[in-house]
Amino acid sequence: MSRTVTLWHNPRCSKSRGALGLLQERGVEVRERRYLDEPPTAAELHALFAALGLEPWQVCRLGEDEAKEAGMADWPRESADRQTWIAAMVAHPKLLERPIAVVGDRAVVGRPPEQVLELLA
């Protein structure tokens, strides 16, 4: 494959490692975006959610302590509230679901990891 896949990756996550392995097994060039070490900006998250075709609350790990402490499960889920969700994810990148694979203007959440292969078609 001539295009590079950017993988928003947490090496401590088995699903993320699985997605990386699947891509590497197919000879895909992968750029790892270790988003916990290199937190995303609000602009990057806006672009990511556009590529996914999802809203921030649809890819937020509400089971994380930070989400529970903030009461995020009860936050409104409307486009007017998008900035609040994104600000929380910028402050706590751990809240972002993983892995996420991106090629150009398309992206998928790798849950299960095999979903990243959809970008290769």
N, C-alpha and C. Protein backbone atom coordinates (compact mmCIF):
# COMPACT_ATOMS: atom_id res chain seq x y z
N MET A 1 0.86 -1.18 0.00
CA MET A 1 0.00 0.00 0.00
C MET A 1 0.89 1.23 0.00
N SER A 2 0.60 2.17 -0.84
CA SER A 2 1.45 3.34 -0.97
C SER A 2 1.09 4.45 0.02
N ARG A 3 -0.05 4.37 0.64
CA ARG A 3 -0.46 5.41 1.58
C ARG A 3 -0.13 5.00 3.00
N THR A 4 0.20 5.98 3.78
CA THR A 4 0.52 5.75 5.18
C THR A 4 -0.75 5.81 6.02
N VAL A 5 -0.86 4.89 6.96
CA VAL A 5 -1.94 4.90 7.93
C VAL A 5 -1.40 5.54 9.20
N THR A 6 -2.09 6.55 9.68
CA THR A 6 -1.75 7.13 10.98
C THR A 6 -2.60 6.41 12.00
N LEU A 7 -1.96 5.81 12.98
CA LEU A 7 -2.67 5.06 14.02
C LEU A 7 -2.54 5.81 15.34
N TRP A 8 -3.69 6.32 15.82
CA TRP A 8 -3.75 6.93 17.14
C TRP A 8 -3.66 5.75 18.10
N HIS A 9 -2.50 5.65 18.76
CA HIS A 9 -2.09 4.40 19.37
C HIS A 9 -1.69 4.58 20.83
N ASN A 10 -2.11 3.60 21.65
CA ASN A 10 -1.65 3.49 23.03
C ASN A 10 -1.03 2.10 23.14
N PRO A 11 0.30 2.01 23.21
CA PRO A 11 0.95 0.71 23.23
C PRO A 11 0.59 -0.16 24.43
N ARG A 12 -0.01 0.41 25.46
CA ARG A 12 -0.44 -0.38 26.62
C ARG A 12 -1.79 -1.06 26.40
N CYS A 13 -2.46 -0.72 25.31
CA CYS A 13 -3.80 -1.25 25.02
C CYS A 13 -3.69 -2.44 24.06
N SER A 14 -4.28 -3.57 24.43
CA SER A 14 -4.21 -4.76 23.60
C SER A 14 -4.90 -4.56 22.25
N LYS A 15 -6.00 -3.84 22.22
CA LYS A 15 -6.70 -3.58 20.95
C LYS A 15 -5.83 -2.73 20.03
N SER A 16 -5.16 -1.76 20.61
CA SER A 16 -4.30 -0.88 19.84
C SER A 16 -3.10 -1.66 19.29
N ARG A 17 -2.50 -2.50 20.12
CA ARG A 17 -1.39 -3.34 19.66
C ARG A 17 -1.85 -4.30 18.57
N GLY A 18 -3.07 -4.81 18.73
CA GLY A 18 -3.62 -5.73 17.72
C GLY A 18 -3.81 -5.05 16.38
N ALA A 19 -4.32 -3.83 16.40
CA ALA A 19 -4.53 -3.09 15.14
C ALA A 19 -3.18 -2.79 14.48
N LEU A 20 -2.20 -2.39 15.28
CA LEU A 20 -0.87 -2.12 14.74
C LEU A 20 -0.29 -3.38 14.09
N GLY A 21 -0.42 -4.50 14.77
CA GLY A 21 0.08 -5.77 14.22
C GLY A 21 -0.59 -6.14 12.92
N LEU A 22 -1.90 -5.98 12.84
CA LEU A 22 -2.63 -6.31 11.60
C LEU A 22 -2.12 -5.46 10.43
N LEU A 23 -1.91 -4.19 10.67
CA LEU A 23 -1.42 -3.31 9.61
C LEU A 23 0.01 -3.68 9.20
N GLN A 24 0.85 -3.94 10.18
CA GLN A 24 2.24 -4.29 9.89
C GLN A 24 2.34 -5.62 9.15
N GLU A 25 1.50 -6.59 9.52
CA GLU A 25 1.49 -7.89 8.85
C GLU A 25 1.18 -7.75 7.36
N ARG A 26 0.44 -6.73 7.00
CA ARG A 26 0.07 -6.50 5.61
C ARG A 26 1.05 -5.56 4.89
N GLY A 27 2.12 -5.22 5.56
CA GLY A 27 3.14 -4.38 4.94
C GLY A 27 2.76 -2.92 4.82
N VAL A 28 1.78 -2.49 5.61
CA VAL A 28 1.32 -1.11 5.56
C VAL A 28 2.29 -0.22 6.31
N GLU A 29 2.60 0.93 5.73
CA GLU A 29 3.42 1.91 6.43
C GLU A 29 2.54 2.59 7.48
N VAL A 30 2.97 2.51 8.74
CA VAL A 30 2.18 3.04 9.85
C VAL A 30 2.96 4.15 10.54
N ARG A 31 2.27 5.27 10.71
CA ARG A 31 2.81 6.36 11.53
C ARG A 31 2.05 6.29 12.85
N GLU A 32 2.77 5.97 13.92
CA GLU A 32 2.13 5.88 15.23
C GLU A 32 1.96 7.27 15.82
N ARG A 33 0.73 7.57 16.19
CA ARG A 33 0.45 8.81 16.91
C ARG A 33 0.16 8.41 18.35
N ARG A 34 1.17 8.50 19.18
CA ARG A 34 1.01 8.16 20.60
C ARG A 34 0.39 9.37 21.29
N TYR A 35 -0.91 9.40 21.21
CA TYR A 35 -1.66 10.59 21.62
C TYR A 35 -1.60 10.87 23.12
N LEU A 36 -1.20 9.89 23.92
CA LEU A 36 -1.03 10.17 25.35
C LEU A 36 0.28 10.91 25.60
N ASP A 37 1.29 10.64 24.75
CA ASP A 37 2.58 11.33 24.86
C ASP A 37 2.58 12.65 24.11
N GLU A 38 1.78 12.72 23.06
CA GLU A 38 1.67 13.90 22.20
C GLU A 38 0.19 14.27 22.12
N PRO A 39 -0.35 14.91 23.17
CA PRO A 39 -1.79 15.17 23.23
C PRO A 39 -2.28 15.97 22.02
N PRO A 40 -3.47 15.64 21.54
CA PRO A 40 -4.03 16.36 20.39
C PRO A 40 -4.52 17.75 20.77
N THR A 41 -4.54 18.60 19.78
CA THR A 41 -5.14 19.93 19.94
C THR A 41 -6.63 19.82 19.64
N ALA A 42 -7.35 20.87 19.97
CA ALA A 42 -8.78 20.90 19.65
C ALA A 42 -8.97 20.82 18.14
N ALA A 43 -8.14 21.51 17.37
CA ALA A 43 -8.26 21.48 15.91
C ALA A 43 -8.03 20.06 15.37
N GLU A 44 -7.05 19.36 15.93
CA GLU A 44 -6.81 17.98 15.49
C GLU A 44 -7.99 17.08 15.80
N LEU A 45 -8.60 17.27 16.96
CA LEU A 45 -9.76 16.46 17.30
C LEU A 45 -10.96 16.78 16.41
N HIS A 46 -11.16 18.05 16.09
CA HIS A 46 -12.24 18.40 15.15
C HIS A 46 -12.05 17.66 13.83
N ALA A 47 -10.83 17.68 13.31
CA ALA A 47 -10.54 17.00 12.04
C ALA A 47 -10.73 15.49 12.18
N LEU A 48 -10.29 14.94 13.31
CA LEU A 48 -10.43 13.51 13.53
C LEU A 48 -11.90 13.09 13.57
N PHE A 49 -12.71 13.84 14.29
CA PHE A 49 -14.13 13.48 14.38
C PHE A 49 -14.83 13.64 13.03
N ALA A 50 -14.41 14.63 12.25
CA ALA A 50 -14.96 14.79 10.90
C ALA A 50 -14.61 13.57 10.05
N ALA A 51 -13.36 13.12 10.13
CA ALA A 51 -12.93 11.95 9.36
C ALA A 51 -13.67 10.69 9.80
N LEU A 52 -13.94 10.59 11.09
CA LEU A 52 -14.68 9.45 11.61
C LEU A 52 -16.17 9.51 11.27
N GLY A 53 -16.67 10.74 11.10
CA GLY A 53 -18.11 10.91 10.92
C GLY A 53 -18.85 10.68 12.23
N LEU A 54 -18.16 10.97 13.35
CA LEU A 54 -18.74 10.75 14.67
C LEU A 54 -18.62 12.00 15.52
N GLU A 55 -19.40 12.05 16.56
CA GLU A 55 -19.33 13.13 17.53
C GLU A 55 -18.38 12.73 18.65
N PRO A 56 -17.82 13.70 19.37
CA PRO A 56 -16.87 13.37 20.43
C PRO A 56 -17.41 12.40 21.47
N TRP A 57 -18.65 12.56 21.85
CA TRP A 57 -19.22 11.69 22.87
C TRP A 57 -19.37 10.25 22.39
N GLN A 58 -19.29 10.03 21.09
CA GLN A 58 -19.39 8.68 20.55
C GLN A 58 -18.06 7.92 20.63
N VAL A 59 -16.97 8.63 20.87
CA VAL A 59 -15.66 8.00 20.97
C VAL A 59 -14.97 8.37 22.28
N CYS A 60 -15.77 8.66 23.28
CA CYS A 60 -15.25 9.03 24.60
C CYS A 60 -15.33 7.81 25.51
N ARG A 61 -14.26 7.55 26.21
CA ARG A 61 -14.18 6.43 27.15
C ARG A 61 -14.78 6.89 28.49
N LEU A 62 -16.07 6.75 28.61
CA LEU A 62 -16.79 7.24 29.78
C LEU A 62 -16.49 6.45 31.05
N GLY A 63 -15.86 5.31 30.92
CA GLY A 63 -15.51 4.51 32.08
C GLY A 63 -14.23 4.95 32.77
N GLU A 64 -13.49 5.85 32.14
CA GLU A 64 -12.25 6.34 32.74
C GLU A 64 -12.57 7.21 33.97
N ASP A 65 -11.65 7.20 34.93
CA ASP A 65 -11.85 7.96 36.16
C ASP A 65 -12.13 9.44 35.88
N GLU A 66 -11.39 10.02 34.92
CA GLU A 66 -11.57 11.44 34.61
C GLU A 66 -12.99 11.73 34.13
N ALA A 67 -13.55 10.84 33.35
CA ALA A 67 -14.92 11.02 32.85
C ALA A 67 -15.93 10.87 33.99
N LYS A 68 -15.70 9.89 34.83
CA LYS A 68 -16.61 9.67 35.97
C LYS A 68 -16.59 10.87 36.92
N GLU A 69 -15.37 11.36 37.23
CA GLU A 69 -15.25 12.49 38.15
C GLU A 69 -15.91 13.74 37.60
N ALA A 70 -15.87 13.91 36.28
CA ALA A 70 -16.48 15.09 35.65
C ALA A 70 -17.97 14.90 35.40
N GLY A 71 -18.48 13.70 35.63
CA GLY A 71 -19.90 13.42 35.37
C GLY A 71 -20.25 13.45 33.89
N MET A 72 -19.30 13.08 33.04
CA MET A 72 -19.48 13.20 31.60
C MET A 72 -20.62 12.34 31.05
N ALA A 73 -20.94 11.26 31.72
CA ALA A 73 -22.04 10.41 31.27
C ALA A 73 -23.35 11.18 31.22
N ASP A 74 -23.44 12.24 32.02
CA ASP A 74 -24.65 13.05 32.08
C ASP A 74 -24.56 14.34 31.26
N TRP A 75 -23.44 14.56 30.59
CA TRP A 75 -23.29 15.78 29.79
C TRP A 75 -24.23 15.75 28.59
N PRO A 76 -24.72 16.91 28.16
CA PRO A 76 -25.56 16.96 26.97
C PRO A 76 -24.80 16.47 25.74
N ARG A 77 -25.54 15.87 24.83
CA ARG A 77 -24.94 15.34 23.60
C ARG A 77 -25.61 16.02 22.40
N GLU A 78 -25.25 17.27 22.22
CA GLU A 78 -25.76 18.06 21.10
C GLU A 78 -24.60 18.81 20.48
N SER A 79 -24.75 19.19 19.22
CA SER A 79 -23.64 19.85 18.53
C SER A 79 -23.19 21.12 19.25
N ALA A 80 -24.10 21.79 19.95
CA ALA A 80 -23.74 23.00 20.68
C ALA A 80 -22.76 22.70 21.81
N ASP A 81 -22.71 21.45 22.25
CA ASP A 81 -21.86 21.06 23.37
C ASP A 81 -20.55 20.40 22.92
N ARG A 82 -20.34 20.33 21.63
CA ARG A 82 -19.15 19.66 21.07
C ARG A 82 -17.85 20.23 21.66
N GLN A 83 -17.77 21.56 21.77
CA GLN A 83 -16.55 22.20 22.27
C GLN A 83 -16.22 21.76 23.70
N THR A 84 -17.23 21.58 24.52
CA THR A 84 -17.02 21.15 25.91
C THR A 84 -16.41 19.76 25.94
N TRP A 85 -16.93 18.86 25.12
CA TRP A 85 -16.40 17.50 25.03
C TRP A 85 -14.97 17.51 24.51
N ILE A 86 -14.74 18.28 23.48
CA ILE A 86 -13.39 18.34 22.90
C ILE A 86 -12.40 18.92 23.89
N ALA A 87 -12.79 19.95 24.61
CA ALA A 87 -11.91 20.53 25.63
C ALA A 87 -11.54 19.50 26.69
N ALA A 88 -12.48 18.67 27.08
CA ALA A 88 -12.21 17.62 28.07
C ALA A 88 -11.22 16.60 27.51
N MET A 89 -11.35 16.28 26.23
CA MET A 89 -10.44 15.31 25.61
C MET A 89 -9.05 15.90 25.38
N VAL A 90 -8.98 17.19 25.14
CA VAL A 90 -7.67 17.84 25.03
C VAL A 90 -6.98 17.80 26.39
N ALA A 91 -7.73 18.09 27.44
CA ALA A 91 -7.16 18.08 28.79
C ALA A 91 -6.83 16.68 29.28
N HIS A 92 -7.60 15.70 28.81
CA HIS A 92 -7.43 14.31 29.25
C HIS A 92 -7.49 13.38 28.03
N PRO A 93 -6.41 13.29 27.26
CA PRO A 93 -6.44 12.49 26.03
C PRO A 93 -6.75 11.01 26.29
N LYS A 94 -6.60 10.57 27.50
CA LYS A 94 -6.94 9.19 27.87
C LYS A 94 -8.41 8.89 27.59
N LEU A 95 -9.23 9.92 27.51
CA LEU A 95 -10.67 9.75 27.27
C LEU A 95 -10.99 9.34 25.84
N LEU A 96 -10.05 9.51 24.93
CA LEU A 96 -10.27 9.19 23.52
C LEU A 96 -10.20 7.68 23.30
N GLU A 97 -11.22 7.15 22.65
CA GLU A 97 -11.25 5.73 22.32
C GLU A 97 -10.03 5.39 21.47
N ARG A 98 -9.58 4.16 21.56
CA ARG A 98 -8.42 3.73 20.81
C ARG A 98 -8.61 2.31 20.33
N PRO A 99 -7.88 1.95 19.33
CA PRO A 99 -7.09 2.76 18.42
C PRO A 99 -7.98 3.42 17.38
N ILE A 100 -7.46 4.45 16.75
CA ILE A 100 -8.14 5.08 15.62
C ILE A 100 -7.14 5.13 14.47
N ALA A 101 -7.55 4.62 13.32
CA ALA A 101 -6.70 4.62 12.14
C ALA A 101 -7.20 5.67 11.17
N VAL A 102 -6.27 6.40 10.57
CA VAL A 102 -6.62 7.50 9.66
C VAL A 102 -5.82 7.36 8.37
N VAL A 103 -6.52 7.49 7.25
CA VAL A 103 -5.90 7.58 5.93
C VAL A 103 -6.59 8.73 5.21
N GLY A 104 -5.83 9.77 4.90
CA GLY A 104 -6.41 10.92 4.23
C GLY A 104 -7.52 11.53 5.07
N ASP A 105 -8.71 11.62 4.47
CA ASP A 105 -9.85 12.21 5.17
C ASP A 105 -10.82 11.15 5.70
N ARG A 106 -10.34 9.91 5.80
CA ARG A 106 -11.16 8.80 6.32
C ARG A 106 -10.52 8.24 7.58
N ALA A 107 -11.36 7.80 8.51
CA ALA A 107 -10.86 7.22 9.76
C ALA A 107 -11.85 6.20 10.28
N VAL A 108 -11.33 5.25 11.05
CA VAL A 108 -12.18 4.25 11.73
C VAL A 108 -11.63 4.01 13.12
N VAL A 109 -12.53 3.67 14.02
CA VAL A 109 -12.14 3.22 15.36
C VAL A 109 -11.87 1.73 15.25
N GLY A 110 -10.73 1.30 15.72
CA GLY A 110 -10.33 -0.10 15.63
C GLY A 110 -10.85 -0.97 16.75
N ARG A 111 -12.15 -1.01 16.88
CA ARG A 111 -12.81 -1.89 17.85
C ARG A 111 -13.91 -2.64 17.13
N PRO A 112 -13.68 -3.88 16.79
CA PRO A 112 -12.48 -4.66 17.04
C PRO A 112 -11.33 -4.20 16.14
N PRO A 113 -10.10 -4.64 16.45
CA PRO A 113 -8.94 -4.18 15.69
C PRO A 113 -9.05 -4.38 14.18
N GLU A 114 -9.74 -5.42 13.76
CA GLU A 114 -9.88 -5.71 12.34
C GLU A 114 -10.54 -4.58 11.55
N GLN A 115 -11.26 -3.71 12.24
CA GLN A 115 -11.93 -2.60 11.55
C GLN A 115 -10.95 -1.66 10.87
N VAL A 116 -9.69 -1.61 11.35
CA VAL A 116 -8.71 -0.73 10.70
C VAL A 116 -8.45 -1.17 9.27
N LEU A 117 -8.71 -2.43 8.97
CA LEU A 117 -8.47 -2.96 7.61
C LEU A 117 -9.43 -2.37 6.59
N GLU A 118 -10.55 -1.80 7.05
CA GLU A 118 -11.51 -1.17 6.14
C GLU A 118 -10.86 -0.04 5.37
N LEU A 119 -9.86 0.60 5.94
CA LEU A 119 -9.19 1.72 5.29
C LEU A 119 -8.28 1.27 4.15
N LEU A 120 -7.99 -0.02 4.08
CA LEU A 120 -7.11 -0.51 3.04
C LEU A 120 -7.82 -0.80 1.74
N ALA A 121 -9.15 -0.87 1.79
CA ALA A 121 -9.94 -1.19 0.58
C ALA A 121 -9.91 -0.06 -0.43
